[in-house]
Amino acid sequence: MTWTHPAGNIAGYDIYLGPAEDTIKLNPTLLTRLWFIDTGYTRNERRYTVIAKDDSNVASLGRSIRLPQLTAALVEGSRIKRGIMNRLDYVMSNEGSDRVEDIRLKVAVGSHDHTSDKFSLDPGTSRTIAVVVGGYDDLEGMAALTTTIEVTPGTHETVQIVRSADIEVADGYVGAADLKRGVHPGRIGPGSIYPGEHR
């Protein structure tokens, strides 16, 4: 986790884990940097609080942020076809205890970035989120796939859960009948098609 703090007479920072009434200090000594790695994180829901301390050991009010328990599972058998627009379907699940709003799913394939619309998830629910991905010519047979769940719980607050994998890339094909209907490879629009889509 990272944070910022206005310039001032700051000696360092303490990081606490847990609800306000039952926190556990994570750093054994005062932190002088603006980042912290939680080595105990096991993909569960966590609430962090950052407190600044000045040279007189006076503590500021805490600033808290919650890391929700969200998962994004790419539908089995998904692959990218070159030359046409692709739709990658992810099953998004909220395994935590609270509703999560302002979620975006960001998908990077090689050096190309793609983002879903914003959505929300109630606790204990799942839904399928589609991300449109181009079939770029520079993608190899197996392309690096980085999936990021991004939540913006408040102003200047961002939570990201990042996972990396590989995805199969194959050559795509648009038939003559599709071209007659105005369907063209590599173009998003009313005439575009997606692998597996029937018209």
N, C-alpha and C. Protein backbone atom coordinates (compact mmCIF):
# COMPACT_ATOMS: atom_id res chain seq x y z
N MET A 1 0.83 -1.18 0.00
CA MET A 1 0.00 0.00 0.00
C MET A 1 0.88 1.24 0.00
N THR A 2 0.37 2.32 -0.60
CA THR A 2 1.09 3.60 -0.65
C THR A 2 0.15 4.71 -0.23
N TRP A 3 0.71 5.83 0.19
CA TRP A 3 -0.10 6.97 0.60
C TRP A 3 0.71 8.25 0.44
N THR A 4 0.03 9.38 0.58
CA THR A 4 0.69 10.69 0.54
C THR A 4 0.33 11.44 1.81
N HIS A 5 1.13 12.48 2.11
CA HIS A 5 0.85 13.30 3.29
C HIS A 5 1.38 14.71 3.03
N PRO A 6 0.63 15.73 3.42
CA PRO A 6 1.12 17.10 3.21
C PRO A 6 2.48 17.31 3.87
N ALA A 7 3.29 18.15 3.27
CA ALA A 7 4.61 18.43 3.84
C ALA A 7 4.46 19.02 5.24
N GLY A 8 5.35 18.64 6.13
CA GLY A 8 5.28 19.12 7.50
C GLY A 8 6.33 18.45 8.36
N ASN A 9 6.22 18.66 9.64
CA ASN A 9 7.20 18.11 10.58
C ASN A 9 6.82 16.67 10.95
N ILE A 10 6.90 15.76 9.95
CA ILE A 10 6.49 14.38 10.14
C ILE A 10 7.72 13.49 10.38
N ALA A 11 7.66 12.74 11.47
CA ALA A 11 8.76 11.82 11.78
C ALA A 11 8.58 10.48 11.10
N GLY A 12 7.32 10.08 10.92
CA GLY A 12 7.06 8.79 10.29
C GLY A 12 5.61 8.38 10.42
N TYR A 13 5.37 7.08 10.14
CA TYR A 13 3.99 6.59 10.05
C TYR A 13 3.87 5.22 10.71
N ASP A 14 2.67 4.96 11.25
CA ASP A 14 2.32 3.64 11.76
C ASP A 14 1.15 3.09 10.94
N ILE A 15 1.16 1.77 10.70
CA ILE A 15 0.11 1.11 9.93
C ILE A 15 -0.61 0.13 10.85
N TYR A 16 -1.94 0.24 10.86
CA TYR A 16 -2.76 -0.63 11.70
C TYR A 16 -3.71 -1.44 10.84
N LEU A 17 -3.96 -2.66 11.27
CA LEU A 17 -4.85 -3.57 10.56
C LEU A 17 -6.05 -3.89 11.44
N GLY A 18 -7.25 -3.88 10.84
CA GLY A 18 -8.44 -4.31 11.55
C GLY A 18 -9.44 -3.19 11.78
N PRO A 19 -10.60 -3.53 12.34
CA PRO A 19 -11.63 -2.53 12.63
C PRO A 19 -11.16 -1.55 13.68
N ALA A 20 -11.80 -0.39 13.72
CA ALA A 20 -11.35 0.70 14.59
C ALA A 20 -11.25 0.28 16.05
N GLU A 21 -12.13 -0.61 16.49
CA GLU A 21 -12.16 -1.00 17.90
C GLU A 21 -11.17 -2.13 18.23
N ASP A 22 -10.52 -2.69 17.22
CA ASP A 22 -9.63 -3.83 17.47
C ASP A 22 -8.51 -3.86 16.43
N THR A 23 -7.62 -2.87 16.46
CA THR A 23 -6.56 -2.79 15.47
C THR A 23 -5.27 -3.46 15.96
N ILE A 24 -4.47 -3.88 15.00
CA ILE A 24 -3.16 -4.48 15.27
C ILE A 24 -2.12 -3.68 14.51
N LYS A 25 -1.09 -3.24 15.20
CA LYS A 25 -0.02 -2.50 14.55
C LYS A 25 0.84 -3.46 13.73
N LEU A 26 1.08 -3.12 12.45
CA LEU A 26 1.80 -4.01 11.56
C LEU A 26 3.30 -3.73 11.50
N ASN A 27 3.70 -2.49 11.69
CA ASN A 27 5.13 -2.14 11.57
C ASN A 27 5.79 -2.11 12.94
N PRO A 28 6.90 -2.82 13.14
CA PRO A 28 7.56 -2.84 14.46
C PRO A 28 8.22 -1.50 14.80
N THR A 29 8.66 -0.77 13.80
CA THR A 29 9.28 0.54 14.02
C THR A 29 8.60 1.57 13.13
N LEU A 30 8.74 2.83 13.48
CA LEU A 30 8.11 3.90 12.73
C LEU A 30 8.60 3.91 11.28
N LEU A 31 7.66 3.98 10.34
CA LEU A 31 8.00 3.99 8.92
C LEU A 31 8.36 5.40 8.48
N THR A 32 9.44 5.53 7.75
CA THR A 32 9.82 6.85 7.22
C THR A 32 9.55 6.94 5.71
N ARG A 33 9.06 5.88 5.11
CA ARG A 33 8.71 5.86 3.69
C ARG A 33 7.19 5.94 3.55
N LEU A 34 6.74 6.13 2.31
CA LEU A 34 5.31 6.28 2.04
C LEU A 34 4.73 5.03 1.40
N TRP A 35 5.20 3.86 1.82
CA TRP A 35 4.65 2.62 1.33
C TRP A 35 4.89 1.51 2.35
N PHE A 36 4.09 0.44 2.24
CA PHE A 36 4.20 -0.69 3.17
C PHE A 36 3.70 -1.94 2.46
N ILE A 37 4.41 -3.06 2.66
CA ILE A 37 4.01 -4.35 2.10
C ILE A 37 3.47 -5.22 3.23
N ASP A 38 2.23 -5.63 3.11
CA ASP A 38 1.62 -6.51 4.11
C ASP A 38 1.91 -7.96 3.73
N THR A 39 2.93 -8.54 4.36
CA THR A 39 3.33 -9.91 4.03
C THR A 39 2.34 -10.95 4.53
N GLY A 40 1.40 -10.54 5.38
CA GLY A 40 0.41 -11.47 5.89
C GLY A 40 -0.86 -11.52 5.08
N TYR A 41 -0.93 -10.76 3.98
CA TYR A 41 -2.14 -10.72 3.16
C TYR A 41 -2.38 -12.08 2.48
N THR A 42 -3.59 -12.61 2.63
CA THR A 42 -3.95 -13.91 2.06
C THR A 42 -5.21 -13.81 1.20
N ARG A 43 -5.37 -12.68 0.51
CA ARG A 43 -6.51 -12.43 -0.39
C ARG A 43 -7.82 -12.30 0.36
N ASN A 44 -7.76 -12.00 1.63
CA ASN A 44 -8.98 -11.81 2.41
C ASN A 44 -9.28 -10.31 2.54
N GLU A 45 -10.45 -10.01 3.08
CA GLU A 45 -10.85 -8.62 3.28
C GLU A 45 -10.04 -8.01 4.43
N ARG A 46 -9.50 -6.80 4.21
CA ARG A 46 -8.66 -6.17 5.23
C ARG A 46 -8.92 -4.67 5.26
N ARG A 47 -8.80 -4.12 6.45
CA ARG A 47 -8.95 -2.67 6.64
C ARG A 47 -7.65 -2.13 7.22
N TYR A 48 -7.07 -1.14 6.53
CA TYR A 48 -5.81 -0.54 6.95
C TYR A 48 -6.03 0.90 7.41
N THR A 49 -5.28 1.30 8.42
CA THR A 49 -5.31 2.68 8.90
C THR A 49 -3.89 3.21 8.99
N VAL A 50 -3.65 4.38 8.40
CA VAL A 50 -2.34 5.03 8.45
C VAL A 50 -2.42 6.21 9.41
N ILE A 51 -1.46 6.27 10.33
CA ILE A 51 -1.38 7.38 11.29
C ILE A 51 0.00 8.01 11.19
N ALA A 52 0.04 9.32 11.05
CA ALA A 52 1.31 10.06 10.99
C ALA A 52 1.70 10.51 12.39
N LYS A 53 3.01 10.56 12.65
CA LYS A 53 3.52 11.05 13.93
C LYS A 53 4.58 12.11 13.68
N ASP A 54 4.54 13.17 14.51
CA ASP A 54 5.54 14.22 14.33
C ASP A 54 6.75 13.97 15.24
N ASP A 55 7.68 14.91 15.25
CA ASP A 55 8.91 14.72 16.02
C ASP A 55 8.67 14.66 17.53
N SER A 56 7.51 15.12 17.98
CA SER A 56 7.16 15.06 19.40
C SER A 56 6.33 13.82 19.72
N ASN A 57 6.22 12.91 18.74
CA ASN A 57 5.47 11.66 18.89
C ASN A 57 3.97 11.90 19.03
N VAL A 58 3.49 13.03 18.53
CA VAL A 58 2.06 13.33 18.53
C VAL A 58 1.46 12.73 17.27
N ALA A 59 0.37 11.95 17.45
CA ALA A 59 -0.23 11.23 16.33
C ALA A 59 -1.35 12.04 15.68
N SER A 60 -1.46 11.89 14.37
CA SER A 60 -2.54 12.52 13.63
C SER A 60 -3.79 11.64 13.71
N LEU A 61 -4.89 12.15 13.19
CA LEU A 61 -6.06 11.31 13.02
C LEU A 61 -5.74 10.24 11.97
N GLY A 62 -6.29 9.06 12.14
CA GLY A 62 -6.01 7.98 11.20
C GLY A 62 -6.78 8.13 9.90
N ARG A 63 -6.19 7.66 8.82
CA ARG A 63 -6.86 7.59 7.52
C ARG A 63 -6.97 6.13 7.14
N SER A 64 -8.21 5.65 6.94
CA SER A 64 -8.44 4.22 6.73
C SER A 64 -8.91 3.93 5.31
N ILE A 65 -8.58 2.74 4.86
CA ILE A 65 -9.06 2.25 3.57
C ILE A 65 -9.27 0.74 3.68
N ARG A 66 -10.30 0.25 3.00
CA ARG A 66 -10.64 -1.17 3.09
C ARG A 66 -10.27 -1.87 1.78
N LEU A 67 -9.60 -3.00 1.90
CA LEU A 67 -9.29 -3.85 0.76
C LEU A 67 -10.38 -4.92 0.67
N PRO A 68 -11.27 -4.83 -0.30
CA PRO A 68 -12.39 -5.78 -0.36
C PRO A 68 -11.94 -7.15 -0.83
N GLN A 69 -12.76 -8.15 -0.56
CA GLN A 69 -12.45 -9.52 -0.98
C GLN A 69 -13.16 -9.78 -2.31
N LEU A 70 -12.54 -9.31 -3.39
CA LEU A 70 -13.08 -9.47 -4.73
C LEU A 70 -12.21 -10.40 -5.55
N THR A 71 -12.84 -11.17 -6.43
CA THR A 71 -12.10 -12.04 -7.34
C THR A 71 -12.62 -11.85 -8.75
N ALA A 72 -11.74 -12.06 -9.72
CA ALA A 72 -12.10 -12.00 -11.14
C ALA A 72 -11.58 -13.25 -11.81
N ALA A 73 -12.48 -14.12 -12.25
CA ALA A 73 -12.09 -15.39 -12.88
C ALA A 73 -12.43 -15.35 -14.36
N LEU A 74 -11.41 -15.44 -15.21
CA LEU A 74 -11.64 -15.47 -16.65
C LEU A 74 -12.32 -16.78 -17.02
N VAL A 75 -13.37 -16.67 -17.84
CA VAL A 75 -14.12 -17.86 -18.24
C VAL A 75 -13.19 -18.87 -18.92
N GLU A 76 -13.31 -20.12 -18.52
CA GLU A 76 -12.43 -21.17 -19.03
C GLU A 76 -12.51 -21.28 -20.55
N GLY A 77 -11.37 -21.47 -21.18
CA GLY A 77 -11.33 -21.62 -22.62
C GLY A 77 -11.23 -20.31 -23.39
N SER A 78 -11.14 -19.20 -22.68
CA SER A 78 -11.06 -17.89 -23.35
C SER A 78 -9.74 -17.77 -24.10
N ARG A 79 -9.79 -17.11 -25.25
CA ARG A 79 -8.58 -16.82 -26.01
C ARG A 79 -8.83 -15.58 -26.85
N ILE A 80 -7.77 -15.04 -27.41
CA ILE A 80 -7.85 -13.84 -28.23
C ILE A 80 -7.57 -14.21 -29.67
N LYS A 81 -8.37 -13.68 -30.59
CA LYS A 81 -8.17 -13.92 -32.01
C LYS A 81 -7.66 -12.64 -32.67
N ARG A 82 -6.59 -12.78 -33.43
CA ARG A 82 -6.02 -11.62 -34.10
C ARG A 82 -6.95 -11.12 -35.21
N GLY A 83 -6.94 -9.80 -35.42
CA GLY A 83 -7.66 -9.21 -36.55
C GLY A 83 -9.11 -8.90 -36.32
N ILE A 84 -9.66 -9.32 -35.17
CA ILE A 84 -11.06 -8.99 -34.86
C ILE A 84 -11.14 -8.55 -33.40
N MET A 85 -12.26 -7.93 -33.05
CA MET A 85 -12.47 -7.54 -31.66
C MET A 85 -12.93 -8.76 -30.86
N ASN A 86 -12.40 -8.89 -29.66
CA ASN A 86 -12.69 -10.03 -28.80
C ASN A 86 -13.41 -9.56 -27.54
N ARG A 87 -14.23 -10.42 -26.98
CA ARG A 87 -14.87 -10.14 -25.70
C ARG A 87 -14.42 -11.18 -24.68
N LEU A 88 -13.69 -10.69 -23.66
CA LEU A 88 -13.28 -11.57 -22.57
C LEU A 88 -14.28 -11.44 -21.44
N ASP A 89 -14.85 -12.57 -21.04
CA ASP A 89 -15.83 -12.60 -19.95
C ASP A 89 -15.16 -13.04 -18.66
N TYR A 90 -15.35 -12.25 -17.61
CA TYR A 90 -14.85 -12.55 -16.28
C TYR A 90 -16.01 -12.74 -15.32
N VAL A 91 -15.93 -13.75 -14.47
CA VAL A 91 -16.90 -13.90 -13.40
C VAL A 91 -16.36 -13.15 -12.19
N MET A 92 -17.00 -12.04 -11.87
CA MET A 92 -16.60 -11.21 -10.74
C MET A 92 -17.40 -11.61 -9.51
N SER A 93 -16.71 -11.82 -8.39
CA SER A 93 -17.37 -12.25 -7.16
C SER A 93 -16.96 -11.36 -6.00
N ASN A 94 -17.92 -11.05 -5.15
CA ASN A 94 -17.67 -10.33 -3.90
C ASN A 94 -17.83 -11.32 -2.76
N GLU A 95 -16.70 -11.77 -2.22
CA GLU A 95 -16.73 -12.76 -1.13
C GLU A 95 -16.63 -12.09 0.24
N GLY A 96 -16.73 -10.77 0.26
CA GLY A 96 -16.65 -10.03 1.52
C GLY A 96 -18.01 -9.82 2.16
N SER A 97 -18.03 -8.98 3.18
CA SER A 97 -19.24 -8.78 3.98
C SER A 97 -19.97 -7.49 3.64
N ASP A 98 -19.43 -6.66 2.75
CA ASP A 98 -20.04 -5.37 2.43
C ASP A 98 -20.19 -5.20 0.93
N ARG A 99 -21.17 -4.37 0.54
CA ARG A 99 -21.34 -4.02 -0.85
C ARG A 99 -20.14 -3.18 -1.31
N VAL A 100 -19.69 -3.44 -2.53
CA VAL A 100 -18.57 -2.69 -3.09
C VAL A 100 -19.06 -1.96 -4.34
N GLU A 101 -18.82 -0.66 -4.38
CA GLU A 101 -19.24 0.15 -5.51
C GLU A 101 -18.02 0.72 -6.24
N ASP A 102 -18.27 1.33 -7.38
CA ASP A 102 -17.22 1.98 -8.17
C ASP A 102 -16.07 1.02 -8.49
N ILE A 103 -16.44 -0.14 -9.04
CA ILE A 103 -15.44 -1.14 -9.45
C ILE A 103 -15.23 -1.03 -10.96
N ARG A 104 -14.00 -1.15 -11.36
CA ARG A 104 -13.66 -1.31 -12.78
C ARG A 104 -12.74 -2.51 -12.93
N LEU A 105 -12.87 -3.19 -14.05
CA LEU A 105 -11.99 -4.30 -14.38
C LEU A 105 -11.05 -3.82 -15.49
N LYS A 106 -9.75 -3.84 -15.22
CA LYS A 106 -8.77 -3.40 -16.20
C LYS A 106 -7.99 -4.61 -16.69
N VAL A 107 -7.89 -4.73 -18.00
CA VAL A 107 -7.23 -5.88 -18.61
C VAL A 107 -6.12 -5.38 -19.53
N ALA A 108 -4.90 -5.80 -19.26
CA ALA A 108 -3.76 -5.46 -20.12
C ALA A 108 -3.31 -6.73 -20.84
N VAL A 109 -3.30 -6.68 -22.16
CA VAL A 109 -2.83 -7.79 -22.98
C VAL A 109 -1.58 -7.30 -23.69
N GLY A 110 -0.44 -7.86 -23.32
CA GLY A 110 0.82 -7.32 -23.83
C GLY A 110 0.94 -5.87 -23.38
N SER A 111 1.10 -4.96 -24.35
CA SER A 111 1.21 -3.52 -24.02
C SER A 111 -0.10 -2.77 -24.23
N HIS A 112 -1.20 -3.49 -24.43
CA HIS A 112 -2.48 -2.87 -24.75
C HIS A 112 -3.42 -2.93 -23.54
N ASP A 113 -4.00 -1.78 -23.19
CA ASP A 113 -4.85 -1.67 -22.01
C ASP A 113 -6.33 -1.54 -22.40
N HIS A 114 -7.19 -2.15 -21.58
CA HIS A 114 -8.63 -2.12 -21.82
C HIS A 114 -9.33 -2.02 -20.47
N THR A 115 -10.49 -1.36 -20.42
CA THR A 115 -11.18 -1.12 -19.15
C THR A 115 -12.68 -1.34 -19.33
N SER A 116 -13.30 -1.96 -18.32
CA SER A 116 -14.75 -2.16 -18.34
C SER A 116 -15.46 -0.90 -17.86
N ASP A 117 -16.78 -0.90 -17.99
CA ASP A 117 -17.58 0.14 -17.36
C ASP A 117 -17.57 -0.08 -15.85
N LYS A 118 -17.97 0.94 -15.09
CA LYS A 118 -18.06 0.80 -13.64
C LYS A 118 -19.25 -0.09 -13.28
N PHE A 119 -19.09 -0.82 -12.17
CA PHE A 119 -20.18 -1.67 -11.68
C PHE A 119 -20.06 -1.83 -10.17
N SER A 120 -21.08 -2.44 -9.57
CA SER A 120 -21.11 -2.69 -8.12
C SER A 120 -21.42 -4.15 -7.86
N LEU A 121 -21.06 -4.62 -6.66
CA LEU A 121 -21.34 -6.00 -6.27
C LEU A 121 -21.80 -6.06 -4.82
N ASP A 122 -22.94 -6.70 -4.59
CA ASP A 122 -23.41 -6.93 -3.23
C ASP A 122 -22.63 -8.08 -2.61
N PRO A 123 -22.57 -8.16 -1.27
CA PRO A 123 -21.83 -9.26 -0.64
C PRO A 123 -22.41 -10.61 -1.00
N GLY A 124 -21.51 -11.56 -1.27
CA GLY A 124 -21.94 -12.92 -1.57
C GLY A 124 -22.53 -13.11 -2.96
N THR A 125 -22.32 -12.15 -3.86
CA THR A 125 -22.89 -12.26 -5.20
C THR A 125 -21.78 -12.30 -6.26
N SER A 126 -22.18 -12.75 -7.46
CA SER A 126 -21.28 -12.79 -8.61
C SER A 126 -22.02 -12.29 -9.83
N ARG A 127 -21.27 -11.79 -10.81
CA ARG A 127 -21.83 -11.41 -12.09
C ARG A 127 -20.74 -11.46 -13.14
N THR A 128 -21.16 -11.61 -14.39
CA THR A 128 -20.20 -11.68 -15.49
C THR A 128 -19.96 -10.28 -16.04
N ILE A 129 -18.69 -9.92 -16.14
CA ILE A 129 -18.28 -8.62 -16.67
C ILE A 129 -17.49 -8.85 -17.95
N ALA A 130 -17.88 -8.16 -19.02
CA ALA A 130 -17.21 -8.31 -20.30
C ALA A 130 -16.24 -7.16 -20.53
N VAL A 131 -15.08 -7.48 -21.06
CA VAL A 131 -14.10 -6.48 -21.45
C VAL A 131 -13.75 -6.71 -22.92
N VAL A 132 -13.91 -5.68 -23.73
CA VAL A 132 -13.61 -5.79 -25.16
C VAL A 132 -12.11 -5.59 -25.37
N VAL A 133 -11.50 -6.55 -26.07
CA VAL A 133 -10.04 -6.56 -26.27
C VAL A 133 -9.75 -6.70 -27.77
N GLY A 134 -8.85 -5.90 -28.28
CA GLY A 134 -8.50 -5.98 -29.69
C GLY A 134 -7.61 -7.17 -30.00
N GLY A 135 -7.75 -7.67 -31.22
CA GLY A 135 -6.89 -8.78 -31.67
C GLY A 135 -5.67 -8.22 -32.38
N TYR A 136 -4.74 -7.69 -31.64
CA TYR A 136 -3.61 -6.95 -32.19
C TYR A 136 -2.62 -7.89 -32.89
N ASP A 137 -2.06 -7.40 -33.99
CA ASP A 137 -1.14 -8.20 -34.79
C ASP A 137 0.16 -8.52 -34.06
N ASP A 138 0.52 -7.70 -33.08
CA ASP A 138 1.81 -7.92 -32.40
C ASP A 138 1.73 -8.93 -31.27
N LEU A 139 0.57 -9.54 -31.05
CA LEU A 139 0.43 -10.54 -29.99
C LEU A 139 0.97 -11.89 -30.45
N GLU A 140 1.78 -12.51 -29.61
CA GLU A 140 2.35 -13.82 -29.92
C GLU A 140 1.35 -14.92 -29.59
N GLY A 141 1.79 -16.18 -29.74
CA GLY A 141 0.91 -17.32 -29.49
C GLY A 141 0.40 -17.38 -28.07
N MET A 142 1.23 -16.97 -27.09
CA MET A 142 0.80 -16.82 -25.71
C MET A 142 1.17 -15.39 -25.29
N ALA A 143 0.17 -14.63 -24.88
CA ALA A 143 0.39 -13.23 -24.53
C ALA A 143 0.24 -13.03 -23.03
N ALA A 144 1.02 -12.11 -22.48
CA ALA A 144 0.91 -11.78 -21.06
C ALA A 144 -0.42 -11.09 -20.81
N LEU A 145 -1.13 -11.56 -19.79
CA LEU A 145 -2.45 -11.03 -19.44
C LEU A 145 -2.41 -10.56 -17.99
N THR A 146 -2.62 -9.27 -17.78
CA THR A 146 -2.67 -8.71 -16.42
C THR A 146 -4.08 -8.21 -16.16
N THR A 147 -4.71 -8.76 -15.13
CA THR A 147 -6.08 -8.40 -14.76
C THR A 147 -6.05 -7.62 -13.45
N THR A 148 -6.61 -6.42 -13.46
CA THR A 148 -6.62 -5.55 -12.29
C THR A 148 -8.05 -5.20 -11.90
N ILE A 149 -8.41 -5.53 -10.67
CA ILE A 149 -9.68 -5.07 -10.11
C ILE A 149 -9.40 -3.75 -9.41
N GLU A 150 -10.02 -2.69 -9.88
CA GLU A 150 -9.76 -1.36 -9.31
C GLU A 150 -11.03 -0.81 -8.68
N VAL A 151 -10.90 -0.36 -7.44
CA VAL A 151 -12.02 0.23 -6.69
C VAL A 151 -11.61 1.63 -6.26
N THR A 152 -12.52 2.59 -6.41
CA THR A 152 -12.25 3.97 -5.97
C THR A 152 -13.26 4.32 -4.89
N PRO A 153 -12.96 3.96 -3.63
CA PRO A 153 -13.92 4.17 -2.54
C PRO A 153 -14.13 5.63 -2.15
N GLY A 154 -13.19 6.50 -2.48
CA GLY A 154 -13.31 7.90 -2.12
C GLY A 154 -12.38 8.76 -2.95
N THR A 155 -12.48 10.07 -2.77
CA THR A 155 -11.61 10.98 -3.50
C THR A 155 -10.15 10.71 -3.16
N HIS A 156 -9.32 10.58 -4.18
CA HIS A 156 -7.89 10.32 -4.03
C HIS A 156 -7.61 8.98 -3.36
N GLU A 157 -8.58 8.05 -3.42
CA GLU A 157 -8.39 6.72 -2.86
C GLU A 157 -8.57 5.68 -3.96
N THR A 158 -7.62 4.78 -4.07
CA THR A 158 -7.69 3.72 -5.08
C THR A 158 -7.20 2.41 -4.48
N VAL A 159 -7.98 1.36 -4.71
CA VAL A 159 -7.59 0.01 -4.30
C VAL A 159 -7.45 -0.83 -5.57
N GLN A 160 -6.35 -1.55 -5.69
CA GLN A 160 -6.13 -2.41 -6.85
C GLN A 160 -5.74 -3.81 -6.41
N ILE A 161 -6.39 -4.80 -7.01
CA ILE A 161 -6.04 -6.20 -6.81
C ILE A 161 -5.57 -6.71 -8.17
N VAL A 162 -4.30 -7.10 -8.26
CA VAL A 162 -3.68 -7.39 -9.55
C VAL A 162 -3.29 -8.86 -9.63
N ARG A 163 -3.62 -9.48 -10.76
CA ARG A 163 -3.24 -10.86 -11.02
C ARG A 163 -2.65 -10.96 -12.42
N SER A 164 -1.65 -11.83 -12.59
CA SER A 164 -0.99 -12.00 -13.89
C SER A 164 -1.10 -13.45 -14.36
N ALA A 165 -1.23 -13.61 -15.68
CA ALA A 165 -1.31 -14.94 -16.28
C ALA A 165 -0.94 -14.81 -17.76
N ASP A 166 -1.15 -15.87 -18.52
CA ASP A 166 -0.97 -15.84 -19.97
C ASP A 166 -2.28 -16.24 -20.62
N ILE A 167 -2.49 -15.78 -21.87
CA ILE A 167 -3.70 -16.15 -22.61
C ILE A 167 -3.31 -16.56 -24.02
N GLU A 168 -4.00 -17.55 -24.55
CA GLU A 168 -3.72 -18.05 -25.90
C GLU A 168 -4.17 -17.03 -26.94
N VAL A 169 -3.37 -16.88 -27.99
CA VAL A 169 -3.71 -15.99 -29.10
C VAL A 169 -3.70 -16.82 -30.38
N ALA A 170 -4.75 -16.66 -31.21
CA ALA A 170 -4.85 -17.38 -32.47
C ALA A 170 -5.29 -16.42 -33.56
N ASP A 171 -5.19 -16.85 -34.81
CA ASP A 171 -5.64 -16.02 -35.92
C ASP A 171 -7.16 -16.03 -35.98
N GLY A 172 -7.74 -14.86 -36.23
CA GLY A 172 -9.19 -14.75 -36.36
C GLY A 172 -9.59 -14.81 -37.82
N TYR A 173 -10.93 -14.86 -38.04
CA TYR A 173 -11.43 -14.95 -39.41
C TYR A 173 -12.80 -14.30 -39.47
N VAL A 174 -12.98 -13.45 -40.47
CA VAL A 174 -14.29 -12.85 -40.74
C VAL A 174 -14.74 -13.32 -42.10
N GLY A 175 -15.89 -13.96 -42.16
CA GLY A 175 -16.37 -14.54 -43.41
C GLY A 175 -16.93 -13.51 -44.37
N ALA A 176 -17.12 -13.93 -45.64
CA ALA A 176 -17.64 -13.04 -46.67
C ALA A 176 -19.04 -12.55 -46.34
N ALA A 177 -19.85 -13.41 -45.75
CA ALA A 177 -21.21 -13.01 -45.39
C ALA A 177 -21.20 -11.89 -44.36
N ASP A 178 -20.23 -11.94 -43.45
CA ASP A 178 -20.12 -10.88 -42.45
C ASP A 178 -19.71 -9.57 -43.09
N LEU A 179 -18.77 -9.62 -44.06
CA LEU A 179 -18.31 -8.41 -44.72
C LEU A 179 -19.45 -7.74 -45.48
N LYS A 180 -20.35 -8.53 -46.06
CA LYS A 180 -21.49 -7.97 -46.78
C LYS A 180 -22.41 -7.20 -45.83
N ARG A 181 -22.45 -7.62 -44.55
CA ARG A 181 -23.30 -6.93 -43.58
C ARG A 181 -22.59 -5.74 -42.96
N GLY A 182 -21.38 -5.43 -43.44
CA GLY A 182 -20.65 -4.28 -42.90
C GLY A 182 -19.82 -4.62 -41.70
N VAL A 183 -19.57 -5.92 -41.46
CA VAL A 183 -18.73 -6.34 -40.35
C VAL A 183 -17.29 -6.34 -40.81
N HIS A 184 -16.41 -5.66 -40.09
CA HIS A 184 -15.01 -5.55 -40.50
C HIS A 184 -14.10 -5.96 -39.37
N PRO A 185 -13.02 -6.63 -39.68
CA PRO A 185 -12.08 -7.04 -38.62
C PRO A 185 -11.42 -5.83 -37.99
N GLY A 186 -11.25 -5.90 -36.66
CA GLY A 186 -10.47 -4.88 -35.98
C GLY A 186 -11.19 -3.57 -35.77
N ARG A 187 -12.52 -3.51 -35.91
CA ARG A 187 -13.20 -2.25 -35.72
C ARG A 187 -14.36 -2.43 -34.76
N ILE A 188 -14.46 -1.56 -33.76
CA ILE A 188 -15.56 -1.61 -32.81
C ILE A 188 -16.69 -0.75 -33.35
N GLY A 189 -17.90 -1.25 -33.30
CA GLY A 189 -19.03 -0.48 -33.77
C GLY A 189 -20.23 -1.37 -33.95
N PRO A 190 -21.33 -0.83 -34.48
CA PRO A 190 -22.56 -1.63 -34.64
C PRO A 190 -22.34 -2.84 -35.53
N GLY A 191 -21.34 -2.76 -36.44
CA GLY A 191 -21.12 -3.87 -37.34
C GLY A 191 -20.06 -4.84 -36.90
N SER A 192 -19.52 -4.68 -35.71
CA SER A 192 -18.44 -5.55 -35.24
C SER A 192 -18.98 -6.88 -34.78
N ILE A 193 -18.15 -7.89 -34.81
CA ILE A 193 -18.54 -9.19 -34.28
C ILE A 193 -17.53 -9.63 -33.24
N TYR A 194 -17.92 -10.58 -32.43
CA TYR A 194 -17.07 -11.13 -31.39
C TYR A 194 -17.01 -12.63 -31.56
N PRO A 195 -15.89 -13.24 -31.22
CA PRO A 195 -15.80 -14.69 -31.33
C PRO A 195 -16.90 -15.36 -30.54
N GLY A 196 -17.57 -16.32 -31.15
CA GLY A 196 -18.62 -17.05 -30.45
C GLY A 196 -19.96 -16.36 -30.48
N GLU A 197 -20.06 -15.18 -31.13
CA GLU A 197 -21.32 -14.46 -31.18
C GLU A 197 -22.08 -14.90 -32.41
N HIS A 198 -23.35 -15.23 -32.25
CA HIS A 198 -24.17 -15.70 -33.37
C HIS A 198 -25.10 -14.58 -33.81
N ARG A 199 -25.27 -14.40 -35.09
CA ARG A 199 -26.13 -13.35 -35.63
C ARG A 199 -27.17 -13.96 -36.55
